[in-house]
């Protein structure tokens, strides 16, 4: 009987970088990471909004970061409650971010 050889590469050694790390990382991890970064952005732009209340750029950035954070949060809710199958999470991210961009533009042009 012939032994089949595995095509898997050996584990990474200490300090060795995986050249395919970004391609192998699941979209859910990137969404999680970007939601955490947007949470920090919310805090930063909220503080800036308190100091520069009537600056349109600060207001626009706060609105954009809030919409981005809310879209990714809605993604988590939909997946956790099994309202959307996990295999559609990449499409879900694109649709929710598209809706968030549309809402930001609508709200922005209604206000200004």
PDB file of N, CA and C in Angstrom:
ATOM      1  N   UNK A   1       0.833  -1.167   0.000  1.00  0.00           N
ATOM      2  CA  UNK A   1       0.000   0.000   0.000  1.00  0.00           C
ATOM      3  C   UNK A   1       0.886   1.242   0.000  1.00  0.00           C
ATOM      4  N   UNK A   2       0.557   2.202  -0.872  1.00  0.00           N
ATOM      5  CA  UNK A   2       1.356   3.417  -1.023  1.00  0.00           C
ATOM      6  C   UNK A   2       0.882   4.500  -0.067  1.00  0.00           C
ATOM      7  N   UNK A   3       1.839   5.115   0.582  1.00  0.00           N
ATOM      8  CA  UNK A   3       1.511   6.173   1.536  1.00  0.00           C
ATOM      9  C   UNK A   3       1.319   7.493   0.806  1.00  0.00           C
ATOM     10  N   UNK A   4       0.263   8.197   1.159  1.00  0.00           N
ATOM     11  CA  UNK A   4       0.023   9.506   0.539  1.00  0.00           C
ATOM     12  C   UNK A   4       0.747  10.571   1.356  1.00  0.00           C
ATOM     13  N   UNK A   5       1.450  11.410   0.645  1.00  0.00           N
ATOM     14  CA  UNK A   5       2.200  12.462   1.304  1.00  0.00           C
ATOM     15  C   UNK A   5       1.328  13.709   1.405  1.00  0.00           C
ATOM     16  N   UNK A   6       1.377  14.340   2.547  1.00  0.00           N
ATOM     17  CA  UNK A   6       0.585  15.552   2.759  1.00  0.00           C
ATOM     18  C   UNK A   6       1.272  16.739   2.095  1.00  0.00           C
ATOM     19  N   UNK A   7       0.454  17.608   1.511  1.00  0.00           N
ATOM     20  CA  UNK A   7       0.979  18.802   0.850  1.00  0.00           C
ATOM     21  C   UNK A   7       1.096  19.985   1.807  1.00  0.00           C
ATOM     22  N   UNK A   8       0.735  19.791   3.057  1.00  0.00           N
ATOM     23  CA  UNK A   8       0.798  20.890   4.027  1.00  0.00           C
ATOM     24  C   UNK A   8       2.243  21.230   4.323  1.00  0.00           C
ATOM     25  N   UNK A   9       2.489  22.525   4.482  1.00  0.00           N
ATOM     26  CA  UNK A   9       3.859  22.922   4.795  1.00  0.00           C
ATOM     27  C   UNK A   9       4.110  22.801   6.288  1.00  0.00           C
ATOM     28  N   UNK A  10       5.365  22.797   6.648  1.00  0.00           N
ATOM     29  CA  UNK A  10       5.725  22.650   8.052  1.00  0.00           C
ATOM     30  C   UNK A  10       5.295  23.883   8.837  1.00  0.00           C
ATOM     31  N   UNK A  11       5.088  23.733  10.145  1.00  0.00           N
ATOM     32  CA  UNK A  11       4.674  24.881  10.953  1.00  0.00           C
ATOM     33  C   UNK A  11       5.709  26.010  10.899  1.00  0.00           C
ATOM     34  N   UNK A  12       5.235  27.215  11.104  1.00  0.00           N
ATOM     35  CA  UNK A  12       6.137  28.360  11.093  1.00  0.00           C
ATOM     36  C   UNK A  12       7.053  28.323  12.302  1.00  0.00           C
ATOM     37  N   UNK A  13       8.275  28.727  12.101  1.00  0.00           N
ATOM     38  CA  UNK A  13       9.230  28.831  13.197  1.00  0.00           C
ATOM     39  C   UNK A  13       9.125  30.228  13.822  1.00  0.00           C
ATOM     40  N   UNK A  14       9.701  30.403  15.002  1.00  0.00           N
ATOM     41  CA  UNK A  14       9.663  31.681  15.698  1.00  0.00           C
ATOM     42  C   UNK A  14      10.286  32.776  14.829  1.00  0.00           C
ATOM     43  N   UNK A  15       9.538  33.839  14.580  1.00  0.00           N
ATOM     44  CA  UNK A  15      10.033  34.951  13.789  1.00  0.00           C
ATOM     45  C   UNK A  15       9.783  34.826  12.297  1.00  0.00           C
ATOM     46  N   UNK A  16       9.316  33.683  11.841  1.00  0.00           N
ATOM     47  CA  UNK A  16       9.053  33.473  10.419  1.00  0.00           C
ATOM     48  C   UNK A  16       7.673  34.033  10.076  1.00  0.00           C
ATOM     49  N   UNK A  17       7.583  34.728   8.956  1.00  0.00           N
ATOM     50  CA  UNK A  17       6.318  35.317   8.538  1.00  0.00           C
ATOM     51  C   UNK A  17       5.654  34.448   7.479  1.00  0.00           C
ATOM     52  N   UNK A  18       4.349  34.317   7.587  1.00  0.00           N
ATOM     53  CA  UNK A  18       3.584  33.554   6.601  1.00  0.00           C
ATOM     54  C   UNK A  18       3.213  34.492   5.459  1.00  0.00           C
ATOM     55  N   UNK A  19       3.697  34.257   4.245  1.00  0.00           N
ATOM     56  CA  UNK A  19       3.402  35.163   3.133  1.00  0.00           C
ATOM     57  C   UNK A  19       1.939  35.130   2.706  1.00  0.00           C
ATOM     58  N   UNK A  20       1.196  34.100   3.121  1.00  0.00           N
ATOM     59  CA  UNK A  20      -0.201  33.969   2.724  1.00  0.00           C
ATOM     60  C   UNK A  20      -1.161  34.298   3.864  1.00  0.00           C
ATOM     61  N   UNK A  21      -0.671  34.938   4.925  1.00  0.00           N
ATOM     62  CA  UNK A  21      -1.490  35.200   6.103  1.00  0.00           C
ATOM     63  C   UNK A  21      -2.726  36.027   5.768  1.00  0.00           C
ATOM     64  N   UNK A  22      -2.572  37.097   4.996  1.00  0.00           N
ATOM     65  CA  UNK A  22      -3.711  37.967   4.682  1.00  0.00           C
ATOM     66  C   UNK A  22      -4.751  37.234   3.855  1.00  0.00           C
ATOM     67  N   UNK A  23      -4.322  36.402   2.931  1.00  0.00           N
ATOM     68  CA  UNK A  23      -5.264  35.671   2.095  1.00  0.00           C
ATOM     69  C   UNK A  23      -6.005  34.573   2.834  1.00  0.00           C
ATOM     70  N   UNK A  24      -5.400  34.021   3.862  1.00  0.00           N
ATOM     71  CA  UNK A  24      -6.024  32.931   4.618  1.00  0.00           C
ATOM     72  C   UNK A  24      -6.890  33.421   5.767  1.00  0.00           C
ATOM     73  N   UNK A  25      -6.795  34.693   6.083  1.00  0.00           N
ATOM     74  CA  UNK A  25      -7.549  35.220   7.208  1.00  0.00           C
ATOM     75  C   UNK A  25      -9.016  35.359   6.813  1.00  0.00           C
ATOM     76  N   UNK A  26      -9.896  34.903   7.670  1.00  0.00           N
ATOM     77  CA  UNK A  26     -11.326  34.935   7.387  1.00  0.00           C
ATOM     78  C   UNK A  26     -11.858  36.365   7.445  1.00  0.00           C
ATOM     79  N   UNK A  27     -12.878  36.629   6.655  1.00  0.00           N
ATOM     80  CA  UNK A  27     -13.463  37.960   6.570  1.00  0.00           C
ATOM     81  C   UNK A  27     -14.066  38.375   7.911  1.00  0.00           C
ATOM     82  N   UNK A  28     -14.518  37.427   8.692  1.00  0.00           N
ATOM     83  CA  UNK A  28     -15.085  37.731  10.003  1.00  0.00           C
ATOM     84  C   UNK A  28     -14.061  38.338  10.948  1.00  0.00           C
ATOM     85  N   UNK A  29     -12.814  37.872  10.853  1.00  0.00           N
ATOM     86  CA  UNK A  29     -11.771  38.431  11.705  1.00  0.00           C
ATOM     87  C   UNK A  29     -11.481  39.873  11.319  1.00  0.00           C
ATOM     88  N   UNK A  30     -11.468  40.154  10.002  1.00  0.00           N
ATOM     89  CA  UNK A  30     -11.227  41.527   9.556  1.00  0.00           C
ATOM     90  C   UNK A  30     -12.370  42.440   9.986  1.00  0.00           C
ATOM     91  N   UNK A  31     -13.602  41.935   9.906  1.00  0.00           N
ATOM     92  CA  UNK A  31     -14.747  42.735  10.347  1.00  0.00           C
ATOM     93  C   UNK A  31     -14.650  43.024  11.842  1.00  0.00           C
ATOM     94  N   UNK A  32     -14.262  42.028  12.633  1.00  0.00           N
ATOM     95  CA  UNK A  32     -14.091  42.216  14.070  1.00  0.00           C
ATOM     96  C   UNK A  32     -13.026  43.269  14.350  1.00  0.00           C
ATOM     97  N   UNK A  33     -11.893  43.163  13.668  1.00  0.00           N
ATOM     98  CA  UNK A  33     -10.798  44.100  13.887  1.00  0.00           C
ATOM     99  C   UNK A  33     -11.189  45.521  13.478  1.00  0.00           C
ATOM    100  N   UNK A  34     -11.842  45.668  12.337  1.00  0.00           N
ATOM    101  CA  UNK A  34     -12.252  46.992  11.882  1.00  0.00           C
ATOM    102  C   UNK A  34     -13.329  47.598  12.780  1.00  0.00           C
ATOM    103  N   UNK A  35     -14.168  46.762  13.377  1.00  0.00           N
ATOM    104  CA  UNK A  35     -15.163  47.300  14.305  1.00  0.00           C
ATOM    105  C   UNK A  35     -14.490  47.816  15.575  1.00  0.00           C
ATOM    106  N   UNK A  36     -13.454  47.146  16.032  1.00  0.00           N
ATOM    107  CA  UNK A  36     -12.719  47.631  17.213  1.00  0.00           C
ATOM    108  C   UNK A  36     -11.996  48.941  16.902  1.00  0.00           C
ATOM    109  N   UNK A  37     -11.427  49.036  15.708  1.00  0.00           N
ATOM    110  CA  UNK A  37     -10.747  50.271  15.308  1.00  0.00           C
ATOM    111  C   UNK A  37     -11.755  51.403  15.174  1.00  0.00           C
ATOM    112  N   UNK A  38     -12.941  51.102  14.633  1.00  0.00           N
ATOM    113  CA  UNK A  38     -13.958  52.152  14.510  1.00  0.00           C
ATOM    114  C   UNK A  38     -14.470  52.595  15.874  1.00  0.00           C
ATOM    115  N   UNK A  39     -14.455  51.711  16.870  1.00  0.00           N
ATOM    116  CA  UNK A  39     -14.847  52.109  18.224  1.00  0.00           C
ATOM    117  C   UNK A  39     -13.874  53.146  18.779  1.00  0.00           C
ATOM    118  N   UNK A  40     -12.595  52.952  18.524  1.00  0.00           N
ATOM    119  CA  UNK A  40     -11.600  53.951  18.938  1.00  0.00           C
ATOM    120  C   UNK A  40     -11.821  55.248  18.162  1.00  0.00           C
ATOM    121  N   UNK A  41     -12.149  55.134  16.876  1.00  0.00           N
ATOM    122  CA  UNK A  41     -12.443  56.311  16.064  1.00  0.00           C
ATOM    123  C   UNK A  41     -13.651  57.083  16.580  1.00  0.00           C
ATOM    124  N   UNK A  42     -14.656  56.367  17.062  1.00  0.00           N
ATOM    125  CA  UNK A  42     -15.829  57.032  17.631  1.00  0.00           C
ATOM    126  C   UNK A  42     -15.432  57.874  18.834  1.00  0.00           C
ATOM    127  N   UNK A  43     -14.615  57.307  19.700  1.00  0.00           N
ATOM    128  CA  UNK A  43     -14.181  58.052  20.886  1.00  0.00           C
ATOM    129  C   UNK A  43     -13.389  59.290  20.477  1.00  0.00           C
ATOM    130  N   UNK A  44     -12.479  59.128  19.526  1.00  0.00           N
ATOM    131  CA  UNK A  44     -11.650  60.259  19.087  1.00  0.00           C
ATOM    132  C   UNK A  44     -12.505  61.353  18.459  1.00  0.00           C
ATOM    133  N   UNK A  45     -13.396  60.989  17.543  1.00  0.00           N
ATOM    134  CA  UNK A  45     -14.205  62.001  16.875  1.00  0.00           C
ATOM    135  C   UNK A  45     -15.273  62.587  17.800  1.00  0.00           C
ATOM    136  N   UNK A  46     -15.701  61.840  18.797  1.00  0.00           N
ATOM    137  CA  UNK A  46     -16.637  62.393  19.771  1.00  0.00           C
ATOM    138  C   UNK A  46     -15.966  63.472  20.614  1.00  0.00           C
ATOM    139  N   UNK A  47     -14.735  63.229  21.019  1.00  0.00           N
ATOM    140  CA  UNK A  47     -13.985  64.246  21.762  1.00  0.00           C
ATOM    141  C   UNK A  47     -13.734  65.461  20.873  1.00  0.00           C
ATOM    142  N   UNK A  48     -13.341  65.241  19.625  1.00  0.00           N
ATOM    143  CA  UNK A  48     -13.151  66.355  18.695  1.00  0.00           C
ATOM    144  C   UNK A  48     -14.450  67.116  18.459  1.00  0.00           C
ATOM    145  N   UNK A  49     -15.554  66.388  18.432  1.00  0.00           N
ATOM    146  CA  UNK A  49     -16.856  67.027  18.230  1.00  0.00           C
ATOM    147  C   UNK A  49     -17.212  67.927  19.418  1.00  0.00           C
ATOM    148  N   UNK A  50     -16.805  67.539  20.613  1.00  0.00           N
ATOM    149  CA  UNK A  50     -17.071  68.372  21.784  1.00  0.00           C
ATOM    150  C   UNK A  50     -16.276  69.668  21.744  1.00  0.00           C
ATOM    151  N   UNK A  51     -15.068  69.618  21.209  1.00  0.00           N
ATOM    152  CA  UNK A  51     -14.235  70.815  21.140  1.00  0.00           C
ATOM    153  C   UNK A  51     -14.505  71.660  19.901  1.00  0.00           C
ATOM    154  N   UNK A  52     -14.807  71.013  18.786  1.00  0.00           N
ATOM    155  CA  UNK A  52     -15.073  71.714  17.526  1.00  0.00           C
ATOM    156  C   UNK A  52     -16.495  71.390  17.074  1.00  0.00           C
ATOM    157  N   UNK A  53     -17.455  71.954  17.772  1.00  0.00           N
ATOM    158  CA  UNK A  53     -18.854  71.577  17.591  1.00  0.00           C
ATOM    159  C   UNK A  53     -19.373  71.851  16.187  1.00  0.00           C
ATOM    160  N   UNK A  54     -19.025  72.980  15.609  1.00  0.00           N
ATOM    161  CA  UNK A  54     -19.618  73.369  14.324  1.00  0.00           C
ATOM    162  C   UNK A  54     -18.674  73.186  13.145  1.00  0.00           C
ATOM    163  N   UNK A  55     -17.761  72.255  13.242  1.00  0.00           N
ATOM    164  CA  UNK A  55     -16.861  71.941  12.130  1.00  0.00           C
ATOM    165  C   UNK A  55     -17.467  70.796  11.315  1.00  0.00           C
ATOM    166  N   UNK A  56     -17.842  71.070  10.075  1.00  0.00           N
ATOM    167  CA  UNK A  56     -18.503  70.025   9.276  1.00  0.00           C
ATOM    168  C   UNK A  56     -17.651  68.774   9.058  1.00  0.00           C
ATOM    169  N   UNK A  57     -16.336  68.941   8.939  1.00  0.00           N
ATOM    170  CA  UNK A  57     -15.488  67.771   8.712  1.00  0.00           C
ATOM    171  C   UNK A  57     -15.556  66.817   9.894  1.00  0.00           C
ATOM    172  N   UNK A  58     -15.491  67.349  11.096  1.00  0.00           N
ATOM    173  CA  UNK A  58     -15.540  66.504  12.295  1.00  0.00           C
ATOM    174  C   UNK A  58     -16.908  65.835  12.397  1.00  0.00           C
ATOM    175  N   UNK A  59     -17.968  66.557  12.092  1.00  0.00           N
ATOM    176  CA  UNK A  59     -19.307  65.982  12.136  1.00  0.00           C
ATOM    177  C   UNK A  59     -19.468  64.875  11.094  1.00  0.00           C
ATOM    178  N   UNK A  60     -18.935  65.101   9.896  1.00  0.00           N
ATOM    179  CA  UNK A  60     -19.026  64.099   8.843  1.00  0.00           C
ATOM    180  C   UNK A  60     -18.241  62.843   9.212  1.00  0.00           C
ATOM    181  N   UNK A  61     -17.054  63.017   9.763  1.00  0.00           N
ATOM    182  CA  UNK A  61     -16.246  61.853  10.135  1.00  0.00           C
ATOM    183  C   UNK A  61     -16.895  61.078  11.277  1.00  0.00           C
ATOM    184  N   UNK A  62     -17.473  61.780  12.238  1.00  0.00           N
ATOM    185  CA  UNK A  62     -18.174  61.099  13.332  1.00  0.00           C
ATOM    186  C   UNK A  62     -19.359  60.308  12.794  1.00  0.00           C
ATOM    187  N   UNK A  63     -20.129  60.913  11.902  1.00  0.00           N
ATOM    188  CA  UNK A  63     -21.272  60.227  11.299  1.00  0.00           C
ATOM    189  C   UNK A  63     -20.823  59.005  10.498  1.00  0.00           C
ATOM    190  N   UNK A  64     -19.738  59.133   9.764  1.00  0.00           N
ATOM    191  CA  UNK A  64     -19.229  58.023   8.950  1.00  0.00           C
ATOM    192  C   UNK A  64     -18.743  56.866   9.821  1.00  0.00           C
ATOM    193  N   UNK A  65     -17.987  57.183  10.857  1.00  0.00           N
ATOM    194  CA  UNK A  65     -17.466  56.128  11.734  1.00  0.00           C
ATOM    195  C   UNK A  65     -18.605  55.454  12.492  1.00  0.00           C
ATOM    196  N   UNK A  66     -19.603  56.236  12.914  1.00  0.00           N
ATOM    197  CA  UNK A  66     -20.757  55.640  13.600  1.00  0.00           C
ATOM    198  C   UNK A  66     -21.527  54.692  12.680  1.00  0.00           C
ATOM    199  N   UNK A  67     -21.721  55.099  11.432  1.00  0.00           N
ATOM    200  CA  UNK A  67     -22.440  54.245  10.484  1.00  0.00           C
ATOM    201  C   UNK A  67     -21.653  52.969  10.186  1.00  0.00           C
ATOM    202  N   UNK A  68     -20.347  53.085  10.044  1.00  0.00           N
ATOM    203  CA  UNK A  68     -19.488  51.921   9.794  1.00  0.00           C
ATOM    204  C   UNK A  68     -19.567  50.943  10.964  1.00  0.00           C
ATOM    205  N   UNK A  69     -19.455  51.480  12.177  1.00  0.00           N
ATOM    206  CA  UNK A  69     -19.506  50.662  13.383  1.00  0.00           C
ATOM    207  C   UNK A  69     -20.881  49.999  13.531  1.00  0.00           C
ATOM    208  N   UNK A  70     -21.938  50.737  13.234  1.00  0.00           N
ATOM    209  CA  UNK A  70     -23.288  50.189  13.339  1.00  0.00           C
ATOM    210  C   UNK A  70     -23.526  49.093  12.305  1.00  0.00           C
ATOM    211  N   UNK A  71     -23.005  49.269  11.095  1.00  0.00           N
ATOM    212  CA  UNK A  71     -23.181  48.256  10.051  1.00  0.00           C
ATOM    213  C   UNK A  71     -22.497  46.949  10.449  1.00  0.00           C
ATOM    214  N   UNK A  72     -21.303  47.045  10.982  1.00  0.00           N
ATOM    215  CA  UNK A  72     -20.611  45.825  11.405  1.00  0.00           C
ATOM    216  C   UNK A  72     -21.275  45.213  12.638  1.00  0.00           C
ATOM    217  N   UNK A  73     -21.828  46.043  13.511  1.00  0.00           N
ATOM    218  CA  UNK A  73     -22.572  45.529  14.661  1.00  0.00           C
ATOM    219  C   UNK A  73     -23.845  44.819  14.247  1.00  0.00           C
ATOM    220  N   UNK A  74     -24.536  45.369  13.253  1.00  0.00           N
ATOM    221  CA  UNK A  74     -25.733  44.727  12.720  1.00  0.00           C
ATOM    222  C   UNK A  74     -25.381  43.387  12.086  1.00  0.00           C
ATOM    223  N   UNK A  75     -24.222  43.300  11.445  1.00  0.00           N
ATOM    224  CA  UNK A  75     -23.751  42.036  10.873  1.00  0.00           C
ATOM    225  C   UNK A  75     -23.615  40.975  11.965  1.00  0.00           C
ATOM    226  N   UNK A  76     -23.027  41.365  13.095  1.00  0.00           N
ATOM    227  CA  UNK A  76     -22.847  40.424  14.207  1.00  0.00           C
ATOM    228  C   UNK A  76     -24.201  39.955  14.734  1.00  0.00           C
ATOM    229  N   UNK A  77     -25.144  40.883  14.883  1.00  0.00           N
ATOM    230  CA  UNK A  77     -26.474  40.524  15.380  1.00  0.00           C
ATOM    231  C   UNK A  77     -27.158  39.548  14.428  1.00  0.00           C
ATOM    232  N   UNK A  78     -27.113  39.834  13.134  1.00  0.00           N
ATOM    233  CA  UNK A  78     -27.765  38.961  12.156  1.00  0.00           C
ATOM    234  C   UNK A  78     -27.151  37.572  12.128  1.00  0.00           C
ATOM    235  N   UNK A  79     -25.840  37.494  12.274  1.00  0.00           N
ATOM    236  CA  UNK A  79     -25.179  36.184  12.267  1.00  0.00           C
ATOM    237  C   UNK A  79     -25.404  35.450  13.585  1.00  0.00           C
ATOM    238  N   UNK A  80     -25.380  36.148  14.715  1.00  0.00           N
ATOM    239  CA  UNK A  80     -25.572  35.492  16.012  1.00  0.00           C
ATOM    240  C   UNK A  80     -26.984  34.943  16.189  1.00  0.00           C
ATOM    241  N   UNK A  81     -27.964  35.630  15.628  1.00  0.00           N
ATOM    242  CA  UNK A  81     -29.345  35.169  15.748  1.00  0.00           C
ATOM    243  C   UNK A  81     -29.736  34.198  14.632  1.00  0.00           C
ATOM    244  N   UNK A  82     -28.775  33.803  13.822  1.00  0.00           N
ATOM    245  CA  UNK A  82     -28.985  32.881  12.700  1.00  0.00           C
ATOM    246  C   UNK A  82     -30.046  33.380  11.725  1.00  0.00           C
ATOM    247  N   UNK A  83     -30.122  34.683  11.560  1.00  0.00           N
ATOM    248  CA  UNK A  83     -31.038  35.243  10.566  1.00  0.00           C
ATOM    249  C   UNK A  83     -30.412  35.218   9.180  1.00  0.00           C
ATOM    250  N   UNK A  84     -29.086  35.122   9.132  1.00  0.00           N
ATOM    251  CA  UNK A  84     -28.343  35.011   7.882  1.00  0.00           C
ATOM    252  C   UNK A  84     -27.358  33.867   8.044  1.00  0.00           C
ATOM    253  N   UNK A  85     -27.247  33.031   7.036  1.00  0.00           N
ATOM    254  CA  UNK A  85     -26.309  31.913   7.065  1.00  0.00           C
ATOM    255  C   UNK A  85     -24.879  32.447   7.036  1.00  0.00           C
ATOM    256  N   UNK A  86     -23.996  31.790   7.750  1.00  0.00           N
ATOM    257  CA  UNK A  86     -22.611  32.233   7.878  1.00  0.00           C
ATOM    258  C   UNK A  86     -21.888  32.257   6.528  1.00  0.00           C
ATOM    259  N   UNK A  87     -22.327  31.425   5.578  1.00  0.00           N
ATOM    260  CA  UNK A  87     -21.638  31.395   4.288  1.00  0.00           C
ATOM    261  C   UNK A  87     -21.894  32.656   3.465  1.00  0.00           C
ATOM    262  N   UNK A  88     -22.864  33.481   3.882  1.00  0.00           N
ATOM    263  CA  UNK A  88     -23.150  34.727   3.179  1.00  0.00           C
ATOM    264  C   UNK A  88     -22.584  35.950   3.885  1.00  0.00           C
ATOM    265  N   UNK A  89     -21.671  35.744   4.846  1.00  0.00           N
ATOM    266  CA  UNK A  89     -21.208  36.879   5.628  1.00  0.00           C
ATOM    267  C   UNK A  89     -20.403  37.890   4.812  1.00  0.00           C
ATOM    268  N   UNK A  90     -19.682  37.456   3.796  1.00  0.00           N
ATOM    269  CA  UNK A  90     -18.941  38.401   2.954  1.00  0.00           C
ATOM    270  C   UNK A  90     -19.913  39.308   2.198  1.00  0.00           C
ATOM    271  N   UNK A  91     -20.955  38.718   1.623  1.00  0.00           N
ATOM    272  CA  UNK A  91     -21.976  39.514   0.944  1.00  0.00           C
ATOM    273  C   UNK A  91     -22.710  40.418   1.925  1.00  0.00           C
ATOM    274  N   UNK A  92     -22.943  39.901   3.126  1.00  0.00           N
ATOM    275  CA  UNK A  92     -23.620  40.690   4.155  1.00  0.00           C
ATOM    276  C   UNK A  92     -22.816  41.933   4.514  1.00  0.00           C
ATOM    277  N   UNK A  93     -21.512  41.788   4.615  1.00  0.00           N
ATOM    278  CA  UNK A  93     -20.660  42.940   4.917  1.00  0.00           C
ATOM    279  C   UNK A  93     -20.769  43.980   3.813  1.00  0.00           C
ATOM    280  N   UNK A  94     -20.680  43.542   2.573  1.00  0.00           N
ATOM    281  CA  UNK A  94     -20.752  44.493   1.458  1.00  0.00           C
ATOM    282  C   UNK A  94     -22.106  45.198   1.415  1.00  0.00           C
ATOM    283  N   UNK A  95     -23.196  44.450   1.600  1.00  0.00           N
ATOM    284  CA  UNK A  95     -24.524  45.060   1.554  1.00  0.00           C
ATOM    285  C   UNK A  95     -24.729  46.036   2.703  1.00  0.00           C
ATOM    286  N   UNK A  96     -24.348  45.640   3.906  1.00  0.00           N
ATOM    287  CA  UNK A  96     -24.555  46.521   5.055  1.00  0.00           C
ATOM    288  C   UNK A  96     -23.690  47.778   4.971  1.00  0.00           C
ATOM    289  N   UNK A  97     -22.458  47.640   4.492  1.00  0.00           N
ATOM    290  CA  UNK A  97     -21.615  48.827   4.339  1.00  0.00           C
ATOM    291  C   UNK A  97     -22.132  49.727   3.224  1.00  0.00           C
ATOM    292  N   UNK A  98     -22.689  49.131   2.169  1.00  0.00           N
ATOM    293  CA  UNK A  98     -23.303  49.935   1.106  1.00  0.00           C
ATOM    294  C   UNK A  98     -24.507  50.708   1.607  1.00  0.00           C
ATOM    295  N   UNK A  99     -25.335  50.042   2.415  1.00  0.00           N
ATOM    296  CA  UNK A  99     -26.492  50.724   3.002  1.00  0.00           C
ATOM    297  C   UNK A  99     -26.033  51.822   3.945  1.00  0.00           C
ATOM    298  N   UNK A 100     -24.965  51.561   4.715  1.00  0.00           N
ATOM    299  CA  UNK A 100     -24.446  52.579   5.640  1.00  0.00           C
ATOM    300  C   UNK A 100     -23.942  53.800   4.874  1.00  0.00           C
ATOM    301  N   UNK A 101     -23.233  53.581   3.774  1.00  0.00           N
ATOM    302  CA  UNK A 101     -22.744  54.709   2.966  1.00  0.00           C
ATOM    303  C   UNK A 101     -23.922  55.501   2.403  1.00  0.00           C
ATOM    304  N   UNK A 102     -24.941  54.807   1.915  1.00  0.00           N
ATOM    305  CA  UNK A 102     -26.124  55.493   1.381  1.00  0.00           C
ATOM    306  C   UNK A 102     -26.817  56.311   2.465  1.00  0.00           C
ATOM    307  N   UNK A 103     -26.952  55.746   3.659  1.00  0.00           N
ATOM    308  CA  UNK A 103     -27.590  56.481   4.755  1.00  0.00           C
ATOM    309  C   UNK A 103     -26.770  57.690   5.185  1.00  0.00           C
ATOM    310  N   UNK A 104     -25.445  57.530   5.226  1.00  0.00           N
ATOM    311  CA  UNK A 104     -24.588  58.673   5.582  1.00  0.00           C
ATOM    312  C   UNK A 104     -24.768  59.793   4.579  1.00  0.00           C
ATOM    313  N   UNK A 105     -24.765  59.463   3.298  1.00  0.00           N
ATOM    314  CA  UNK A 105     -24.929  60.497   2.273  1.00  0.00           C
ATOM    315  C   UNK A 105     -26.306  61.151   2.333  1.00  0.00           C
ATOM    316  N   UNK A 106     -27.355  60.356   2.549  1.00  0.00           N
ATOM    317  CA  UNK A 106     -28.698  60.922   2.659  1.00  0.00           C
ATOM    318  C   UNK A 106     -28.789  61.856   3.863  1.00  0.00           C
ATOM    319  N   UNK A 107     -28.343  61.381   5.012  1.00  0.00           N
ATOM    320  CA  UNK A 107     -28.405  62.216   6.222  1.00  0.00           C
ATOM    321  C   UNK A 107     -27.560  63.468   6.055  1.00  0.00           C
ATOM    322  N   UNK A 108     -26.384  63.331   5.485  1.00  0.00           N
ATOM    323  CA  UNK A 108     -25.499  64.480   5.324  1.00  0.00           C
ATOM    324  C   UNK A 108     -26.101  65.548   4.404  1.00  0.00           C
ATOM    325  N   UNK A 109     -26.657  65.109   3.294  1.00  0.00           N
ATOM    326  CA  UNK A 109     -27.205  66.100   2.342  1.00  0.00           C
ATOM    327  C   UNK A 109     -28.550  66.652   2.804  1.00  0.00           C
ATOM    328  N   UNK A 110     -29.261  65.943   3.669  1.00  0.00           N
ATOM    329  CA  UNK A 110     -30.483  66.505   4.257  1.00  0.00           C
ATOM    330  C   UNK A 110     -30.123  67.573   5.282  1.00  0.00           C
ATOM    331  N   UNK A 111     -29.090  67.323   6.072  1.00  0.00           N
ATOM    332  CA  UNK A 111     -28.676  68.297   7.092  1.00  0.00           C
ATOM    333  C   UNK A 111     -28.011  69.511   6.452  1.00  0.00           C
ATOM    334  N   UNK A 112     -27.120  69.277   5.502  1.00  0.00           N
ATOM    335  CA  UNK A 112     -26.390  70.386   4.890  1.00  0.00           C
ATOM    336  C   UNK A 112     -26.932  70.611   3.508  1.00  0.00           C
TER     337      UNK A 112
END
